[in-house]
Amino acid sequence: MNWRMIGCGMLAVAVFVAVGVAAIWRADAPAECPDQLPYEPATYHLLGSPASTPALPGVSEPLERTGTVSFGLARWDVWVESGREPVASGEPLPDRIVLDCGDDTFQAYERGTE
C-alpha cells in the first residue's frame, strides 16, 4: 500500500469538496430584493421603499401570500391584494405585487412597459 498516494488522493478529495461547497455557497441568492423583475412583455419596477410589513400604497386591507417567484437561484414570497391571487400557476401576476426580501423587509413593485 502506497501511503503517499492515499494521502494525495484524500487531499484531492478534500480540496474538490471544499471548492464545490464554496461555489454553491457563492451561487446562492442574496437576501435582498432586486431593483426590477424582468418579466415579459413588461417589467416590474420598484414602487416606494422597503417596508417592515407587506403593504401596497393606497391599499388598507392586509395582503395575501400567493406563492413564490424565482429567477435563477433567487426565490421570493409574493404578496398581492386580497381577491387578486392567481388561480393557476401559469396565470399572470397582478399589476402590483409585494416581495418578501428575506431580510425582514418587503418591497412593492408595479408592472410597467419600460
C-alpha atoms as a PDB file:
ATOM      1  CA  MET A   1       0.000   0.000   0.000  1.00  0.00           C
ATOM      2  CA  ASN A   2       1.398   3.375  -1.011  1.00  0.00           C
ATOM      3  CA  TRP A   3       0.594   5.857   1.799  1.00  0.00           C
ATOM      4  CA  ARG A   4       1.752   8.843  -0.250  1.00  0.00           C
ATOM      5  CA  MET A   5      -0.766   8.045  -2.971  1.00  0.00           C
ATOM      6  CA  ILE A   6      -3.574   7.588  -0.420  1.00  0.00           C
ATOM      7  CA  GLY A   7      -2.651  10.892   1.275  1.00  0.00           C
ATOM      8  CA  CYS A   8      -2.566  12.788  -2.034  1.00  0.00           C
ATOM      9  CA  GLY A   9      -5.872  11.243  -3.060  1.00  0.00           C
ATOM     10  CA  MET A  10      -7.506  12.227   0.245  1.00  0.00           C
ATOM     11  CA  LEU A  11      -6.135  15.764  -0.116  1.00  0.00           C
ATOM     12  CA  ALA A  12      -7.507  15.981  -3.665  1.00  0.00           C
ATOM     13  CA  VAL A  13     -10.938  14.809  -2.495  1.00  0.00           C
ATOM     14  CA  ALA A  14     -10.946  17.361   0.356  1.00  0.00           C
ATOM     15  CA  VAL A  15      -9.989  20.228  -1.980  1.00  0.00           C
ATOM     16  CA  PHE A  16     -12.594  19.148  -4.547  1.00  0.00           C
ATOM     17  CA  VAL A  17     -15.369  19.050  -1.930  1.00  0.00           C
ATOM     18  CA  ALA A  18     -14.275  22.392  -0.407  1.00  0.00           C
ATOM     19  CA  VAL A  19     -14.256  24.132  -3.799  1.00  0.00           C
ATOM     20  CA  GLY A  20     -17.681  22.658  -4.644  1.00  0.00           C
ATOM     21  CA  VAL A  21     -19.219  23.778  -1.334  1.00  0.00           C
ATOM     22  CA  ALA A  22     -17.694  27.272  -1.728  1.00  0.00           C
ATOM     23  CA  ALA A  23     -19.092  27.540  -5.269  1.00  0.00           C
ATOM     24  CA  ILE A  24     -22.591  26.534  -4.156  1.00  0.00           C
ATOM     25  CA  TRP A  25     -22.437  28.971  -1.236  1.00  0.00           C
ATOM     26  CA  ARG A  26     -21.381  31.834  -3.551  1.00  0.00           C
ATOM     27  CA  ALA A  27     -24.080  30.980  -6.112  1.00  0.00           C
ATOM     28  CA  ASP A  28     -26.869  31.207  -3.518  1.00  0.00           C
ATOM     29  CA  ALA A  29     -29.148  34.213  -3.881  1.00  0.00           C
ATOM     30  CA  PRO A  30     -28.575  37.210  -1.628  1.00  0.00           C
ATOM     31  CA  ALA A  31     -31.193  38.133   0.969  1.00  0.00           C
ATOM     32  CA  GLU A  32     -32.433  41.268  -0.753  1.00  0.00           C
ATOM     33  CA  CYS A  33     -34.974  42.289  -3.348  1.00  0.00           C
ATOM     34  CA  PRO A  34     -33.914  43.139  -6.913  1.00  0.00           C
ATOM     35  CA  ASP A  35     -34.234  46.605  -8.465  1.00  0.00           C
ATOM     36  CA  GLN A  36     -36.654  45.175 -11.046  1.00  0.00           C
ATOM     37  CA  LEU A  37     -38.254  41.863 -12.029  1.00  0.00           C
ATOM     38  CA  PRO A  38     -37.716  41.152 -15.746  1.00  0.00           C
ATOM     39  CA  TYR A  39     -40.977  39.529 -16.802  1.00  0.00           C
ATOM     40  CA  GLU A  40     -42.037  39.587 -20.444  1.00  0.00           C
ATOM     41  CA  PRO A  41     -43.629  41.580 -22.040  1.00  0.00           C
ATOM     42  CA  ALA A  42     -43.419  44.029 -19.127  1.00  0.00           C
ATOM     43  CA  THR A  43     -41.062  44.535 -16.213  1.00  0.00           C
ATOM     44  CA  TYR A  44     -41.955  45.105 -12.570  1.00  0.00           C
ATOM     45  CA  HIS A  45     -40.332  48.291 -11.233  1.00  0.00           C
ATOM     46  CA  LEU A  46     -39.821  49.401  -7.626  1.00  0.00           C
ATOM     47  CA  LEU A  47     -42.790  51.101  -6.012  1.00  0.00           C
ATOM     48  CA  GLY A  48     -41.765  53.089  -2.946  1.00  0.00           C
ATOM     49  CA  SER A  49     -39.138  51.958  -0.474  1.00  0.00           C
ATOM     50  CA  PRO A  50     -38.807  48.738   1.565  1.00  0.00           C
ATOM     51  CA  ALA A  51     -41.247  48.327   4.457  1.00  0.00           C
ATOM     52  CA  SER A  52     -41.372  46.174   7.580  1.00  0.00           C
ATOM     53  CA  THR A  53     -44.724  44.613   6.593  1.00  0.00           C
ATOM     54  CA  PRO A  54     -46.229  43.660   3.209  1.00  0.00           C
ATOM     55  CA  ALA A  55     -48.176  46.716   2.042  1.00  0.00           C
ATOM     56  CA  LEU A  56     -49.162  48.455  -1.198  1.00  0.00           C
ATOM     57  CA  PRO A  57     -49.673  52.225  -1.455  1.00  0.00           C
ATOM     58  CA  GLY A  58     -53.390  53.049  -1.304  1.00  0.00           C
ATOM     59  CA  VAL A  59     -54.416  49.598  -0.013  1.00  0.00           C
ATOM     60  CA  SER A  60     -55.503  49.487   3.631  1.00  0.00           C
ATOM     61  CA  GLU A  61     -56.545  45.828   3.836  1.00  0.00           C
ATOM     62  CA  PRO A  62     -53.999  43.085   4.641  1.00  0.00           C
ATOM     63  CA  LEU A  63     -52.291  41.425   1.657  1.00  0.00           C
ATOM     64  CA  GLU A  64     -52.442  37.696   0.908  1.00  0.00           C
ATOM     65  CA  ARG A  65     -49.395  35.483   0.343  1.00  0.00           C
ATOM     66  CA  THR A  66     -49.939  33.890  -3.062  1.00  0.00           C
ATOM     67  CA  GLY A  67     -46.815  31.820  -3.696  1.00  0.00           C
ATOM     68  CA  THR A  68     -43.263  32.443  -4.858  1.00  0.00           C
ATOM     69  CA  VAL A  69     -41.406  33.945  -7.779  1.00  0.00           C
ATOM     70  CA  SER A  70     -37.860  32.949  -8.714  1.00  0.00           C
ATOM     71  CA  PHE A  71     -35.035  33.941 -11.017  1.00  0.00           C
ATOM     72  CA  GLY A  72     -32.037  31.627 -11.129  1.00  0.00           C
ATOM     73  CA  LEU A  73     -31.328  30.572  -7.561  1.00  0.00           C
ATOM     74  CA  ALA A  74     -33.157  33.552  -6.033  1.00  0.00           C
ATOM     75  CA  ARG A  75     -36.661  32.947  -4.703  1.00  0.00           C
ATOM     76  CA  TRP A  76     -39.076  35.370  -3.040  1.00  0.00           C
ATOM     77  CA  ASP A  77     -42.530  35.008  -1.456  1.00  0.00           C
ATOM     78  CA  VAL A  78     -45.168  37.076  -3.296  1.00  0.00           C
ATOM     79  CA  TRP A  79     -47.947  39.048  -1.603  1.00  0.00           C
ATOM     80  CA  VAL A  80     -50.937  40.520  -3.505  1.00  0.00           C
ATOM     81  CA  GLU A  81     -54.224  42.264  -2.760  1.00  0.00           C
ATOM     82  CA  SER A  82     -56.944  40.001  -1.429  1.00  0.00           C
ATOM     83  CA  GLY A  83     -59.007  38.573  -4.299  1.00  0.00           C
ATOM     84  CA  ARG A  84     -56.245  39.116  -6.896  1.00  0.00           C
ATOM     85  CA  GLU A  85     -54.359  35.869  -6.292  1.00  0.00           C
ATOM     86  CA  PRO A  86     -53.557  33.899  -9.477  1.00  0.00           C
ATOM     87  CA  VAL A  87     -55.691  30.748  -9.539  1.00  0.00           C
ATOM     88  CA  ALA A  88     -53.353  28.632 -11.707  1.00  0.00           C
ATOM     89  CA  SER A  89     -49.555  28.577 -11.755  1.00  0.00           C
ATOM     90  CA  GLY A  90     -49.468  29.853 -15.346  1.00  0.00           C
ATOM     91  CA  GLU A  91     -51.802  32.776 -14.682  1.00  0.00           C
ATOM     92  CA  PRO A  92     -50.037  36.177 -14.752  1.00  0.00           C
ATOM     93  CA  LEU A  93     -49.376  38.103 -11.563  1.00  0.00           C
ATOM     94  CA  PRO A  94     -51.402  41.260 -10.831  1.00  0.00           C
ATOM     95  CA  ASP A  95     -50.007  44.662 -11.842  1.00  0.00           C
ATOM     96  CA  ARG A  96     -48.895  45.433  -8.271  1.00  0.00           C
ATOM     97  CA  ILE A  97     -47.157  42.902  -6.036  1.00  0.00           C
ATOM     98  CA  VAL A  98     -45.019  42.832  -2.884  1.00  0.00           C
ATOM     99  CA  LEU A  99     -41.980  40.569  -2.390  1.00  0.00           C
ATOM    100  CA  ASP A 100     -40.620  39.257   0.913  1.00  0.00           C
ATOM    101  CA  CYS A 101     -36.948  40.223   0.549  1.00  0.00           C
ATOM    102  CA  GLY A 102     -35.706  37.678   3.082  1.00  0.00           C
ATOM    103  CA  ASP A 103     -34.059  40.328   5.264  1.00  0.00           C
ATOM    104  CA  ASP A 104     -37.179  41.269   7.278  1.00  0.00           C
ATOM    105  CA  THR A 105     -38.266  43.822   4.663  1.00  0.00           C
ATOM    106  CA  PHE A 106     -40.937  43.819   1.969  1.00  0.00           C
ATOM    107  CA  GLN A 107     -40.679  45.652  -1.367  1.00  0.00           C
ATOM    108  CA  ALA A 108     -43.628  46.721  -3.520  1.00  0.00           C
ATOM    109  CA  TYR A 109     -43.419  46.511  -7.334  1.00  0.00           C
ATOM    110  CA  GLU A 110     -45.601  47.771 -10.165  1.00  0.00           C
ATOM    111  CA  ARG A 111     -45.755  46.414 -13.707  1.00  0.00           C
ATOM    112  CA  GLY A 112     -44.528  48.836 -16.343  1.00  0.00           C
ATOM    113  CA  THR A 113     -43.753  48.725 -20.053  1.00  0.00           C
ATOM    114  CA  GLU A 114     -40.323  50.391 -19.953  1.00  0.00           C
END
